[in-house]
């Protein structure tokens, strides 16, 4: 089963309420997975990075402007990384390290954040190098919510998939992406290379 709700409807009161929904999902999900090919996973975003992202959302969708409140909630949700009760497997595309969100200063801080948190016990963070050979076709980013659903964020709406056969295919796809991704020191090397790039901008 697939369901979707337009962003302008979900964000009709601004960004804070939907961030509350996400907080509840993260608190209820002991083990989640995320593949994010071209931006930083929300739960690892710095305050500065998240501010730029939510500002762009508000301006693009023309929804009520409560960016500071939405950012505060996004920062609150990140406590799941530190409470010892959750684990997240996350794969970033190498492009995510270079997609310019807010300019060199914001990106520099974001790369430092990734290098600081990559060894958290709650996190398995991989980077899919731009030159990595994949055993699956390129695909958009998605998040798995335990064993219950997969979530996609499209231009106009968020889409949730709950059909068991489709969930199994997403697990298979995530495993294929994970097999091609770099972890540990190799991932740190890719992030460090991006940090050096932003230092020189």
C-alpha atoms as a PDB file:
ATOM      1  CA  UNK A   1       0.000   0.000   0.000  1.00  0.00           C
ATOM      2  CA  UNK A   2       1.205   3.510  -0.832  1.00  0.00           C
ATOM      3  CA  UNK A   3      -0.083   6.781   0.635  1.00  0.00           C
ATOM      4  CA  UNK A   4       0.849  10.400   0.051  1.00  0.00           C
ATOM      5  CA  UNK A   5      -0.142  13.811   1.410  1.00  0.00           C
ATOM      6  CA  UNK A   6       0.814  17.092  -0.326  1.00  0.00           C
ATOM      7  CA  UNK A   7       3.511  19.077   1.493  1.00  0.00           C
ATOM      8  CA  UNK A   8       1.470  22.266   1.390  1.00  0.00           C
ATOM      9  CA  UNK A   9      -1.274  20.454   3.307  1.00  0.00           C
ATOM     10  CA  UNK A  10       1.119  18.885   5.820  1.00  0.00           C
ATOM     11  CA  UNK A  11       2.946  22.186   6.293  1.00  0.00           C
ATOM     12  CA  UNK A  12      -0.178  24.357   6.434  1.00  0.00           C
ATOM     13  CA  UNK A  13       0.753  25.487   9.965  1.00  0.00           C
ATOM     14  CA  UNK A  14       4.494  25.728   9.276  1.00  0.00           C
ATOM     15  CA  UNK A  15       7.425  23.370   9.826  1.00  0.00           C
ATOM     16  CA  UNK A  16       7.238  22.824  13.590  1.00  0.00           C
ATOM     17  CA  UNK A  17       4.281  20.428  13.666  1.00  0.00           C
ATOM     18  CA  UNK A  18       5.698  18.091  11.039  1.00  0.00           C
ATOM     19  CA  UNK A  19       9.029  18.059  12.863  1.00  0.00           C
ATOM     20  CA  UNK A  20       7.104  16.897  15.940  1.00  0.00           C
ATOM     21  CA  UNK A  21       5.770  13.996  13.864  1.00  0.00           C
ATOM     22  CA  UNK A  22       9.291  13.072  12.825  1.00  0.00           C
ATOM     23  CA  UNK A  23      10.510  13.220  16.432  1.00  0.00           C
ATOM     24  CA  UNK A  24       7.821  10.722  17.433  1.00  0.00           C
ATOM     25  CA  UNK A  25       8.803   8.407  14.576  1.00  0.00           C
ATOM     26  CA  UNK A  26      12.462   8.465  15.569  1.00  0.00           C
ATOM     27  CA  UNK A  27      11.625   7.890  19.217  1.00  0.00           C
ATOM     28  CA  UNK A  28       9.443   4.896  18.320  1.00  0.00           C
ATOM     29  CA  UNK A  29      11.849   3.361  15.783  1.00  0.00           C
ATOM     30  CA  UNK A  30      14.705   1.454  17.392  1.00  0.00           C
ATOM     31  CA  UNK A  31      16.401   0.673  14.082  1.00  0.00           C
ATOM     32  CA  UNK A  32      16.056   2.830  10.983  1.00  0.00           C
ATOM     33  CA  UNK A  33      17.848   3.064   7.664  1.00  0.00           C
ATOM     34  CA  UNK A  34      18.355   5.975   5.320  1.00  0.00           C
ATOM     35  CA  UNK A  35      19.812   6.482   1.866  1.00  0.00           C
ATOM     36  CA  UNK A  36      20.372  10.148   1.023  1.00  0.00           C
ATOM     37  CA  UNK A  37      22.196  10.657  -2.280  1.00  0.00           C
ATOM     38  CA  UNK A  38      22.546  14.425  -2.510  1.00  0.00           C
ATOM     39  CA  UNK A  39      22.072  16.139   0.867  1.00  0.00           C
ATOM     40  CA  UNK A  40      22.896  15.482   4.519  1.00  0.00           C
ATOM     41  CA  UNK A  41      20.552  13.181   6.455  1.00  0.00           C
ATOM     42  CA  UNK A  42      18.339  15.379   8.632  1.00  0.00           C
ATOM     43  CA  UNK A  43      19.361  13.820  11.923  1.00  0.00           C
ATOM     44  CA  UNK A  44      23.005  14.708  11.240  1.00  0.00           C
ATOM     45  CA  UNK A  45      22.409  18.261  10.050  1.00  0.00           C
ATOM     46  CA  UNK A  46      23.982  21.151  11.920  1.00  0.00           C
ATOM     47  CA  UNK A  47      21.725  23.962  13.066  1.00  0.00           C
ATOM     48  CA  UNK A  48      23.096  26.223  10.324  1.00  0.00           C
ATOM     49  CA  UNK A  49      22.553  23.602   7.602  1.00  0.00           C
ATOM     50  CA  UNK A  50      19.029  22.790   8.817  1.00  0.00           C
ATOM     51  CA  UNK A  51      18.166  26.504   8.889  1.00  0.00           C
ATOM     52  CA  UNK A  52      19.054  26.854   5.204  1.00  0.00           C
ATOM     53  CA  UNK A  53      17.106  23.715   4.277  1.00  0.00           C
ATOM     54  CA  UNK A  54      13.924  24.701   6.120  1.00  0.00           C
ATOM     55  CA  UNK A  55      14.160  28.279   4.826  1.00  0.00           C
ATOM     56  CA  UNK A  56      14.208  26.913   1.279  1.00  0.00           C
ATOM     57  CA  UNK A  57      11.229  24.668   2.041  1.00  0.00           C
ATOM     58  CA  UNK A  58       9.195  27.573   3.435  1.00  0.00           C
ATOM     59  CA  UNK A  59      10.055  29.890   0.557  1.00  0.00           C
ATOM     60  CA  UNK A  60       9.471  27.295  -2.163  1.00  0.00           C
ATOM     61  CA  UNK A  61       6.158  25.963  -0.836  1.00  0.00           C
ATOM     62  CA  UNK A  62       5.000  29.375   0.453  1.00  0.00           C
ATOM     63  CA  UNK A  63       3.921  27.979   3.830  1.00  0.00           C
ATOM     64  CA  UNK A  64       3.888  29.814   7.183  1.00  0.00           C
ATOM     65  CA  UNK A  65       7.354  30.989   8.211  1.00  0.00           C
ATOM     66  CA  UNK A  66       8.332  29.370  11.505  1.00  0.00           C
ATOM     67  CA  UNK A  67      11.848  28.334  10.513  1.00  0.00           C
ATOM     68  CA  UNK A  68      13.488  28.887  13.949  1.00  0.00           C
ATOM     69  CA  UNK A  69      10.839  26.695  15.618  1.00  0.00           C
ATOM     70  CA  UNK A  70      11.205  24.001  12.964  1.00  0.00           C
ATOM     71  CA  UNK A  71      14.989  24.011  13.297  1.00  0.00           C
ATOM     72  CA  UNK A  72      14.728  23.744  17.092  1.00  0.00           C
ATOM     73  CA  UNK A  73      12.578  20.635  16.671  1.00  0.00           C
ATOM     74  CA  UNK A  74      15.004  19.145  14.156  1.00  0.00           C
ATOM     75  CA  UNK A  75      17.816  19.635  16.669  1.00  0.00           C
ATOM     76  CA  UNK A  76      15.645  18.042  19.379  1.00  0.00           C
ATOM     77  CA  UNK A  77      15.102  14.918  17.294  1.00  0.00           C
ATOM     78  CA  UNK A  78      18.852  14.381  17.116  1.00  0.00           C
ATOM     79  CA  UNK A  79      18.868  13.307  20.761  1.00  0.00           C
ATOM     80  CA  UNK A  80      18.072   9.793  19.524  1.00  0.00           C
ATOM     81  CA  UNK A  81      21.717   9.592  18.429  1.00  0.00           C
ATOM     82  CA  UNK A  82      22.922  10.009  21.998  1.00  0.00           C
ATOM     83  CA  UNK A  83      20.422   8.236  24.262  1.00  0.00           C
ATOM     84  CA  UNK A  84      21.759   4.713  23.642  1.00  0.00           C
ATOM     85  CA  UNK A  85      18.374   3.279  22.655  1.00  0.00           C
ATOM     86  CA  UNK A  86      18.450   3.510  18.855  1.00  0.00           C
ATOM     87  CA  UNK A  87      20.573   2.591  15.868  1.00  0.00           C
ATOM     88  CA  UNK A  88      20.572   4.034  12.355  1.00  0.00           C
ATOM     89  CA  UNK A  89      22.241   2.733   9.201  1.00  0.00           C
ATOM     90  CA  UNK A  90      22.760   5.700   6.888  1.00  0.00           C
ATOM     91  CA  UNK A  91      24.322   5.958   3.447  1.00  0.00           C
ATOM     92  CA  UNK A  92      25.172   9.371   2.026  1.00  0.00           C
ATOM     93  CA  UNK A  93      25.980   9.809  -1.629  1.00  0.00           C
ATOM     94  CA  UNK A  94      29.346  11.527  -2.079  1.00  0.00           C
ATOM     95  CA  UNK A  95      27.406  14.297  -3.824  1.00  0.00           C
ATOM     96  CA  UNK A  96      25.766  15.092  -0.459  1.00  0.00           C
ATOM     97  CA  UNK A  97      29.163  16.291   0.770  1.00  0.00           C
ATOM     98  CA  UNK A  98      29.377  18.802  -2.091  1.00  0.00           C
ATOM     99  CA  UNK A  99      25.810  19.986  -2.631  1.00  0.00           C
ATOM    100  CA  UNK A 100      26.136  23.642  -1.635  1.00  0.00           C
ATOM    101  CA  UNK A 101      23.736  24.347   1.217  1.00  0.00           C
ATOM    102  CA  UNK A 102      24.421  27.795   2.645  1.00  0.00           C
ATOM    103  CA  UNK A 103      27.955  28.319   1.351  1.00  0.00           C
ATOM    104  CA  UNK A 104      31.448  27.250   2.471  1.00  0.00           C
ATOM    105  CA  UNK A 105      31.096  28.203   6.153  1.00  0.00           C
ATOM    106  CA  UNK A 106      27.927  26.156   6.610  1.00  0.00           C
ATOM    107  CA  UNK A 107      29.354  23.233   4.653  1.00  0.00           C
ATOM    108  CA  UNK A 108      32.646  23.336   6.598  1.00  0.00           C
ATOM    109  CA  UNK A 109      30.738  23.057   9.858  1.00  0.00           C
ATOM    110  CA  UNK A 110      28.637  20.242   8.454  1.00  0.00           C
ATOM    111  CA  UNK A 111      31.665  18.207   7.394  1.00  0.00           C
ATOM    112  CA  UNK A 112      33.193  18.651  10.847  1.00  0.00           C
ATOM    113  CA  UNK A 113      29.936  17.410  12.364  1.00  0.00           C
ATOM    114  CA  UNK A 114      30.022  14.271  10.212  1.00  0.00           C
ATOM    115  CA  UNK A 115      33.611  13.539  11.204  1.00  0.00           C
ATOM    116  CA  UNK A 116      32.757  14.049  14.858  1.00  0.00           C
ATOM    117  CA  UNK A 117      29.682  11.809  14.894  1.00  0.00           C
ATOM    118  CA  UNK A 118      30.670   9.060  12.466  1.00  0.00           C
ATOM    119  CA  UNK A 119      31.943   6.864  15.317  1.00  0.00           C
ATOM    120  CA  UNK A 120      28.800   7.151  17.454  1.00  0.00           C
ATOM    121  CA  UNK A 121      27.618   3.697  18.630  1.00  0.00           C
ATOM    122  CA  UNK A 122      24.121   4.575  17.430  1.00  0.00           C
ATOM    123  CA  UNK A 123      25.257   5.232  13.872  1.00  0.00           C
ATOM    124  CA  UNK A 124      26.610   3.208  10.968  1.00  0.00           C
ATOM    125  CA  UNK A 125      27.486   5.868   8.391  1.00  0.00           C
ATOM    126  CA  UNK A 126      28.600   4.990   4.888  1.00  0.00           C
ATOM    127  CA  UNK A 127      29.512   7.223   1.961  1.00  0.00           C
ATOM    128  CA  UNK A 128      28.755   6.023  -1.546  1.00  0.00           C
ATOM    129  CA  UNK A 129      31.625   7.282  -3.664  1.00  0.00           C
ATOM    130  CA  UNK A 130      30.716   8.914  -6.968  1.00  0.00           C
ATOM    131  CA  UNK A 131      32.803   6.313  -8.776  1.00  0.00           C
ATOM    132  CA  UNK A 132      31.459   3.285  -6.883  1.00  0.00           C
ATOM    133  CA  UNK A 133      30.093   0.520  -9.087  1.00  0.00           C
ATOM    134  CA  UNK A 134      26.550  -0.415  -8.133  1.00  0.00           C
ATOM    135  CA  UNK A 135      24.695  -3.678  -8.609  1.00  0.00           C
ATOM    136  CA  UNK A 136      21.394  -1.754  -8.765  1.00  0.00           C
ATOM    137  CA  UNK A 137      20.209   1.155 -10.906  1.00  0.00           C
ATOM    138  CA  UNK A 138      20.561   4.667  -9.408  1.00  0.00           C
ATOM    139  CA  UNK A 139      17.561   5.562  -7.261  1.00  0.00           C
ATOM    140  CA  UNK A 140      16.158   8.432  -5.175  1.00  0.00           C
ATOM    141  CA  UNK A 141      16.737   8.625  -1.454  1.00  0.00           C
ATOM    142  CA  UNK A 142      14.478   6.893   1.048  1.00  0.00           C
ATOM    143  CA  UNK A 143      14.157   6.149   4.764  1.00  0.00           C
ATOM    144  CA  UNK A 144      12.966   2.882   6.281  1.00  0.00           C
ATOM    145  CA  UNK A 145      10.984   3.076   9.475  1.00  0.00           C
ATOM    146  CA  UNK A 146      11.740  -0.174  11.215  1.00  0.00           C
ATOM    147  CA  UNK A 147       9.925  -3.026   9.471  1.00  0.00           C
ATOM    148  CA  UNK A 148       6.720  -1.079   8.907  1.00  0.00           C
ATOM    149  CA  UNK A 149       7.223   1.480   6.140  1.00  0.00           C
ATOM    150  CA  UNK A 150       9.501   3.270   3.712  1.00  0.00           C
ATOM    151  CA  UNK A 151       9.289   7.032   3.308  1.00  0.00           C
ATOM    152  CA  UNK A 152      10.129   9.115   0.231  1.00  0.00           C
ATOM    153  CA  UNK A 153      10.186  12.901   0.067  1.00  0.00           C
ATOM    154  CA  UNK A 154       9.103  14.157  -3.344  1.00  0.00           C
ATOM    155  CA  UNK A 155       8.799  17.732  -4.627  1.00  0.00           C
ATOM    156  CA  UNK A 156       5.088  17.970  -3.920  1.00  0.00           C
ATOM    157  CA  UNK A 157       4.450  15.350  -1.242  1.00  0.00           C
ATOM    158  CA  UNK A 158       5.783  12.748   1.142  1.00  0.00           C
ATOM    159  CA  UNK A 159       5.065   9.149   0.177  1.00  0.00           C
ATOM    160  CA  UNK A 160       4.821   6.181   2.553  1.00  0.00           C
ATOM    161  CA  UNK A 161       5.047   2.577   1.347  1.00  0.00           C
ATOM    162  CA  UNK A 162       3.794  -0.246   3.562  1.00  0.00           C
ATOM    163  CA  UNK A 163       3.320  -3.228   1.219  1.00  0.00           C
ATOM    164  CA  UNK A 164       5.502  -6.096   2.553  1.00  0.00           C
ATOM    165  CA  UNK A 165       6.793  -7.096  -0.890  1.00  0.00           C
ATOM    166  CA  UNK A 166       7.829  -3.510  -1.640  1.00  0.00           C
ATOM    167  CA  UNK A 167       9.489  -3.224   1.766  1.00  0.00           C
ATOM    168  CA  UNK A 168      11.506  -6.351   1.007  1.00  0.00           C
ATOM    169  CA  UNK A 169      12.696  -4.814  -2.272  1.00  0.00           C
ATOM    170  CA  UNK A 170      13.822  -1.689  -0.436  1.00  0.00           C
ATOM    171  CA  UNK A 171      15.793  -3.811   2.015  1.00  0.00           C
ATOM    172  CA  UNK A 172      17.422  -5.560  -0.938  1.00  0.00           C
ATOM    173  CA  UNK A 173      18.245  -2.204  -2.543  1.00  0.00           C
ATOM    174  CA  UNK A 174      19.677  -0.801   0.686  1.00  0.00           C
ATOM    175  CA  UNK A 175      21.883  -3.854   1.116  1.00  0.00           C
ATOM    176  CA  UNK A 176      23.191  -3.425  -2.435  1.00  0.00           C
ATOM    177  CA  UNK A 177      23.969   0.251  -1.818  1.00  0.00           C
ATOM    178  CA  UNK A 178      25.633  -0.632   1.480  1.00  0.00           C
ATOM    179  CA  UNK A 179      27.841  -3.198  -0.248  1.00  0.00           C
ATOM    180  CA  UNK A 180      29.158  -0.481  -2.575  1.00  0.00           C
ATOM    181  CA  UNK A 181      29.568   2.223   0.110  1.00  0.00           C
ATOM    182  CA  UNK A 182      32.710   3.127   2.048  1.00  0.00           C
ATOM    183  CA  UNK A 183      32.744   2.859   5.842  1.00  0.00           C
ATOM    184  CA  UNK A 184      35.140   3.626   8.683  1.00  0.00           C
ATOM    185  CA  UNK A 185      38.442   5.179   7.665  1.00  0.00           C
ATOM    186  CA  UNK A 186      37.512   5.099   3.973  1.00  0.00           C
ATOM    187  CA  UNK A 187      34.347   7.108   4.669  1.00  0.00           C
ATOM    188  CA  UNK A 188      36.299   9.529   6.840  1.00  0.00           C
ATOM    189  CA  UNK A 189      38.749  10.026   3.984  1.00  0.00           C
ATOM    190  CA  UNK A 190      35.921  10.998   1.626  1.00  0.00           C
ATOM    191  CA  UNK A 191      34.442  13.400   4.184  1.00  0.00           C
ATOM    192  CA  UNK A 192      37.900  14.834   4.915  1.00  0.00           C
ATOM    193  CA  UNK A 193      38.404  15.454   1.201  1.00  0.00           C
ATOM    194  CA  UNK A 194      35.122  17.375   1.118  1.00  0.00           C
ATOM    195  CA  UNK A 195      36.150  19.343   4.219  1.00  0.00           C
ATOM    196  CA  UNK A 196      39.378  20.365   2.486  1.00  0.00           C
ATOM    197  CA  UNK A 197      37.360  21.430  -0.559  1.00  0.00           C
ATOM    198  CA  UNK A 198      35.105  23.699   1.500  1.00  0.00           C
ATOM    199  CA  UNK A 199      38.107  25.108   3.382  1.00  0.00           C
ATOM    200  CA  UNK A 200      39.476  26.312   0.062  1.00  0.00           C
ATOM    201  CA  UNK A 201      36.273  27.862  -1.197  1.00  0.00           C
END
